[in-house]
Amino acid sequence: MERTMARSFVGRAVGSGGARVGARRAQRGRLQVQARAMERGVGLMGTKAGMTSVFSEDGKMTPVTVIGLKDGGCYVTQIKTKETDGYNAVQVGYDVKRETLLTKPELGHLKKNDCPPLRHLTEFKLESIPEGLEVGSELDPTEMFSVGDKVDVAGRSVGKGFAGGIKRHGFSRGLMSHGSKSHREHGTTGPGSTPSRVYPGTKHPGQMGDKRAKVKKLEVMQVEKDMIVVKGSIPGKPGNMMTITKAKGKW
């Protein structure tokens, strides 16, 4: 008696999923930019320039971070609505580059909307589309933010390499004396007899940092056409790309 067995790949049967596989292959060459979460308003992208200090009239020093906007600034590259895409969002492009650095789907998408070749694209998901916003228009930081506003700044954090449980997760160490043989070790990872396995999600040593991080409710200290100065520190190293949006909640 013959039995038909479906091959598996990473735990999923793919023997009878021809239609789904074909659909995924058809979308492989398309440009897909998906918004992460609902935002309070349209945001900007910029480049972290570094940190410095500003002094008030009474001599108080405040640490600040400068976020620069490269030549060309940010452009509105697409506007999505519930009628056309199922949700409201504004796609923003940043960092004008030569065309050879972009893929053909990216170039076609930008040329269709009369935009220059932009290296980075991101979406800001909104409750409603602001009035007067048009595809291809350049965003002005001085019109979007003002001194005293609270903003959320997100970017990729600094990678710290492989780290143990104490540094990565804040675990407590063991005794350093009295014959202890567990100083900075991980310790038990789960039950022994039942179920005799490690639960998914258990905190272990591993690569620390180098992931998307957001600092919320930073105060805007200065706004210019080519830069935004915020109070405090933000994720990442100088040169990293950041996104700046109006802070959520009351402030």
Protein backbone atom coordinates (compact mmCIF):
# COMPACT_ATOMS: atom_id res chain seq x y z
CA MET A 1 0.00 0.00 0.00
CA GLU A 2 1.48 3.32 -1.07
CA ARG A 3 1.47 6.28 1.21
CA THR A 4 2.13 9.86 0.02
CA MET A 5 4.39 11.75 2.39
CA ALA A 6 4.81 15.51 2.27
CA ARG A 7 8.29 16.87 2.79
CA SER A 8 8.73 19.27 5.69
CA PHE A 9 10.85 22.39 5.93
CA VAL A 10 11.42 23.99 9.35
CA GLY A 11 8.52 22.06 10.82
CA ARG A 12 5.94 22.99 8.14
CA ALA A 13 4.51 20.64 5.55
CA VAL A 14 4.98 22.03 2.07
CA GLY A 15 3.73 19.14 -0.03
CA SER A 16 0.24 20.55 -0.62
CA GLY A 17 0.92 24.29 -0.41
CA GLY A 18 1.61 24.93 -4.05
CA ALA A 19 -0.80 27.85 -4.30
CA ARG A 20 0.70 29.61 -1.29
CA VAL A 21 4.25 29.01 -2.47
CA GLY A 22 3.37 30.39 -5.90
CA ALA A 23 1.84 33.50 -4.35
CA ARG A 24 4.96 34.11 -2.26
CA ARG A 25 7.18 33.74 -5.32
CA ALA A 26 5.03 36.22 -7.23
CA GLN A 27 5.47 38.79 -4.44
CA ARG A 28 9.21 38.24 -4.14
CA GLY A 29 10.07 40.95 -6.64
CA ARG A 30 7.65 43.51 -5.21
CA LEU A 31 8.60 46.37 -2.92
CA GLN A 32 7.03 45.89 0.51
CA VAL A 33 7.27 48.48 3.30
CA GLN A 34 5.09 47.79 6.36
CA ALA A 35 4.39 50.16 9.24
CA ARG A 36 5.29 48.84 12.70
CA ALA A 37 2.73 50.53 14.98
CA MET A 38 0.25 53.37 15.15
CA GLU A 39 1.92 56.77 15.45
CA ARG A 40 0.64 60.13 16.62
CA GLY A 41 1.63 61.87 13.41
CA VAL A 42 3.90 61.81 10.39
CA GLY A 43 7.54 61.52 11.41
CA LEU A 44 10.95 62.16 9.93
CA MET A 45 14.13 60.20 9.36
CA GLY A 46 17.54 61.59 10.17
CA THR A 47 21.15 60.67 10.88
CA LYS A 48 22.62 60.71 14.38
CA ALA A 49 25.43 63.28 14.32
CA GLY A 50 26.57 62.93 17.94
CA MET A 51 26.17 64.42 21.41
CA THR A 52 27.11 67.81 22.79
CA SER A 53 26.07 70.18 25.59
CA VAL A 54 24.07 73.39 25.75
CA PHE A 55 24.14 75.94 28.56
CA SER A 56 21.24 77.98 29.89
CA GLU A 57 21.49 81.61 30.95
CA ASP A 58 21.96 80.58 34.59
CA GLY A 59 24.89 78.29 33.63
CA LYS A 60 23.05 74.94 33.82
CA MET A 61 24.46 72.37 31.40
CA THR A 62 22.13 70.04 29.47
CA PRO A 63 23.38 67.06 27.43
CA VAL A 64 21.77 66.92 23.97
CA THR A 65 21.94 64.82 20.81
CA VAL A 66 22.05 66.33 17.31
CA ILE A 67 20.06 64.53 14.58
CA GLY A 68 21.03 65.82 11.16
CA LEU A 69 19.03 65.70 7.94
CA LYS A 70 21.13 65.02 4.85
CA ASP A 71 20.84 67.10 1.68
CA GLY A 72 17.39 66.66 0.19
CA GLY A 73 15.70 65.86 3.50
CA CYS A 74 12.62 63.63 3.68
CA TYR A 75 9.95 63.21 0.99
CA VAL A 76 6.43 61.78 1.00
CA THR A 77 6.75 58.78 -1.33
CA GLN A 78 3.28 57.20 -0.89
CA ILE A 79 -0.02 57.77 0.91
CA LYS A 80 -2.03 54.69 1.89
CA THR A 81 -5.70 54.76 2.86
CA LYS A 82 -8.20 52.24 4.18
CA GLU A 83 -9.95 52.21 0.80
CA THR A 84 -6.81 51.29 -1.17
CA ASP A 85 -4.60 49.39 1.31
CA GLY A 86 -6.77 48.59 4.32
CA TYR A 87 -5.10 51.08 6.67
CA ASN A 88 -3.99 54.72 6.78
CA ALA A 89 -0.26 55.37 6.51
CA VAL A 90 2.23 57.82 5.07
CA GLN A 91 5.40 56.44 3.51
CA VAL A 92 8.47 58.67 3.86
CA GLY A 93 11.78 58.41 1.98
CA TYR A 94 15.18 59.71 3.08
CA ASP A 95 18.79 60.02 1.89
CA VAL A 96 19.12 60.82 -1.83
CA LYS A 97 21.56 58.46 -3.55
CA ARG A 98 22.59 57.61 -7.10
CA GLU A 99 20.27 55.23 -8.92
CA THR A 100 22.80 52.40 -9.12
CA LEU A 101 22.48 51.87 -5.34
CA LEU A 102 18.75 51.13 -5.54
CA THR A 103 16.90 48.07 -6.82
CA LYS A 104 14.61 48.23 -9.84
CA PRO A 105 11.42 47.84 -7.74
CA GLU A 106 12.54 50.76 -5.54
CA LEU A 107 13.39 52.95 -8.54
CA GLY A 108 10.10 52.16 -10.26
CA HIS A 109 8.14 52.92 -7.12
CA LEU A 110 9.88 56.29 -6.62
CA LYS A 111 9.78 57.39 -10.27
CA LYS A 112 6.07 56.60 -10.45
CA ASN A 113 5.53 59.09 -7.61
CA ASP A 114 7.96 61.70 -9.04
CA CYS A 115 10.44 61.30 -6.17
CA PRO A 116 14.26 61.33 -6.30
CA PRO A 117 16.18 58.07 -5.70
CA LEU A 118 15.91 57.65 -1.91
CA ARG A 119 17.92 55.04 -0.02
CA HIS A 120 15.58 54.49 2.95
CA LEU A 121 11.79 54.09 3.06
CA THR A 122 9.59 53.77 6.13
CA GLU A 123 5.89 54.05 6.95
CA PHE A 124 4.09 55.92 9.70
CA LYS A 125 0.73 54.34 10.44
CA LEU A 126 -1.92 56.93 11.38
CA GLU A 127 -5.52 57.18 12.48
CA SER A 128 -6.22 59.62 9.64
CA ILE A 129 -4.23 61.23 6.84
CA PRO A 130 -3.34 64.91 7.51
CA GLU A 131 -4.87 67.45 5.15
CA GLY A 132 -2.68 69.11 2.55
CA LEU A 133 -0.17 66.25 2.38
CA GLU A 134 0.80 65.34 -1.18
CA VAL A 135 2.99 62.62 -2.68
CA GLY A 136 6.37 63.98 -3.73
CA SER A 137 6.34 66.92 -1.31
CA GLU A 138 9.34 67.58 0.94
CA LEU A 139 8.75 67.56 4.70
CA ASP A 140 9.87 70.62 6.67
CA PRO A 141 11.10 69.89 10.23
CA THR A 142 10.37 73.45 11.38
CA GLU A 143 6.68 73.00 10.49
CA MET A 144 6.38 69.57 12.10
CA PHE A 145 8.22 70.14 15.39
CA SER A 146 8.85 73.08 17.68
CA VAL A 147 10.97 73.76 20.75
CA GLY A 148 9.48 72.12 23.83
CA ASP A 149 7.71 69.29 21.99
CA LYS A 150 8.12 65.72 23.20
CA VAL A 151 9.30 63.19 20.61
CA ASP A 152 9.98 59.46 20.38
CA VAL A 153 13.31 58.60 18.72
CA ALA A 154 13.96 55.06 17.47
CA GLY A 155 16.98 53.43 15.87
CA ARG A 156 19.29 50.43 16.00
CA SER A 157 21.15 50.16 19.29
CA VAL A 158 24.90 49.61 19.66
CA GLY A 159 25.93 45.96 19.36
CA LYS A 160 27.79 44.74 22.45
CA GLY A 161 28.68 41.25 21.24
CA PHE A 162 28.20 38.03 23.22
CA ALA A 163 27.18 38.68 26.84
CA GLY A 164 26.31 36.50 29.81
CA GLY A 165 23.11 36.42 31.82
CA ILE A 166 24.24 39.00 34.39
CA LYS A 167 25.07 41.70 31.83
CA ARG A 168 22.37 40.82 29.31
CA HIS A 169 19.41 40.19 31.62
CA GLY A 170 20.45 41.55 35.02
CA PHE A 171 20.74 38.19 36.79
CA SER A 172 22.25 38.07 40.29
CA ARG A 173 25.63 36.38 40.74
CA GLY A 174 26.41 33.58 43.16
CA LEU A 175 28.66 33.63 46.20
CA MET A 176 32.29 34.53 45.59
CA SER A 177 33.57 32.59 48.62
CA HIS A 178 32.72 29.72 51.02
CA GLY A 179 33.48 27.10 48.38
CA SER A 180 30.92 28.32 45.87
CA LYS A 181 31.46 27.03 42.36
CA SER A 182 28.75 29.21 40.82
CA HIS A 183 29.90 32.81 40.53
CA ARG A 184 28.50 34.16 37.25
CA GLU A 185 27.03 30.96 35.82
CA HIS A 186 23.50 30.77 34.48
CA GLY A 187 22.19 28.19 36.97
CA THR A 188 19.21 25.93 36.36
CA THR A 189 17.34 26.36 33.07
CA GLY A 190 14.14 24.49 33.89
CA PRO A 191 12.48 21.39 35.40
CA GLY A 192 14.41 18.12 35.47
CA SER A 193 12.12 15.08 35.28
CA THR A 194 8.99 16.75 33.99
CA PRO A 195 8.93 17.96 31.25
CA SER A 196 12.72 17.39 30.90
CA ARG A 197 13.26 20.28 28.54
CA VAL A 198 13.98 23.99 28.49
CA TYR A 199 10.92 26.19 28.07
CA PRO A 200 10.84 28.46 25.01
CA GLY A 201 11.75 32.03 25.86
CA THR A 202 14.09 31.17 28.74
CA LYS A 203 16.68 33.91 29.15
CA HIS A 204 20.16 32.73 28.19
CA PRO A 205 23.52 34.27 27.31
CA GLY A 206 23.74 35.51 23.74
CA GLN A 207 24.25 38.47 21.45
CA MET A 208 23.41 41.74 23.24
CA GLY A 209 22.25 44.93 21.55
CA ASP A 210 22.14 45.54 17.78
CA LYS A 211 18.34 45.70 17.75
CA ARG A 212 15.68 48.34 17.27
CA ALA A 213 15.25 50.48 20.38
CA LYS A 214 13.11 53.54 21.12
CA VAL A 215 13.61 56.35 23.63
CA LYS A 216 10.34 58.07 24.49
CA LYS A 217 9.34 61.62 25.37
CA LEU A 218 12.59 63.44 24.66
CA GLU A 219 12.32 67.22 24.69
CA VAL A 220 13.11 69.14 21.52
CA MET A 221 15.72 71.81 22.29
CA GLN A 222 16.25 73.25 18.78
CA VAL A 223 14.80 72.78 15.30
CA GLU A 224 16.40 73.87 12.02
CA LYS A 225 15.91 72.97 8.36
CA ASP A 226 18.79 70.51 8.49
CA MET A 227 18.81 69.29 12.10
CA ILE A 228 16.82 68.52 15.24
CA VAL A 229 18.42 68.77 18.69
CA VAL A 230 16.84 66.66 21.46
CA LYS A 231 17.59 66.47 25.16
CA GLY A 232 19.45 63.37 26.37
CA SER A 233 20.80 60.36 24.49
CA ILE A 234 19.34 58.22 21.72
CA PRO A 235 20.14 54.66 20.54
CA GLY A 236 22.98 53.78 18.21
CA LYS A 237 26.30 55.18 17.09
CA PRO A 238 26.91 58.43 15.18
CA GLY A 239 25.94 57.86 11.57
CA ASN A 240 22.98 55.57 12.35
CA MET A 241 19.61 56.33 10.82
CA MET A 242 16.88 57.39 13.29
CA THR A 243 13.13 58.00 13.09
CA ILE A 244 11.56 60.92 14.97
CA THR A 245 7.83 61.08 15.73
CA LYS A 246 5.58 63.02 18.09
CA ALA A 247 5.47 61.29 21.47
CA LYS A 248 2.33 59.35 22.36
CA GLY A 249 0.21 60.03 25.42
CA LYS A 250 -0.07 63.22 27.42
CA TRP A 251 2.88 65.60 27.76
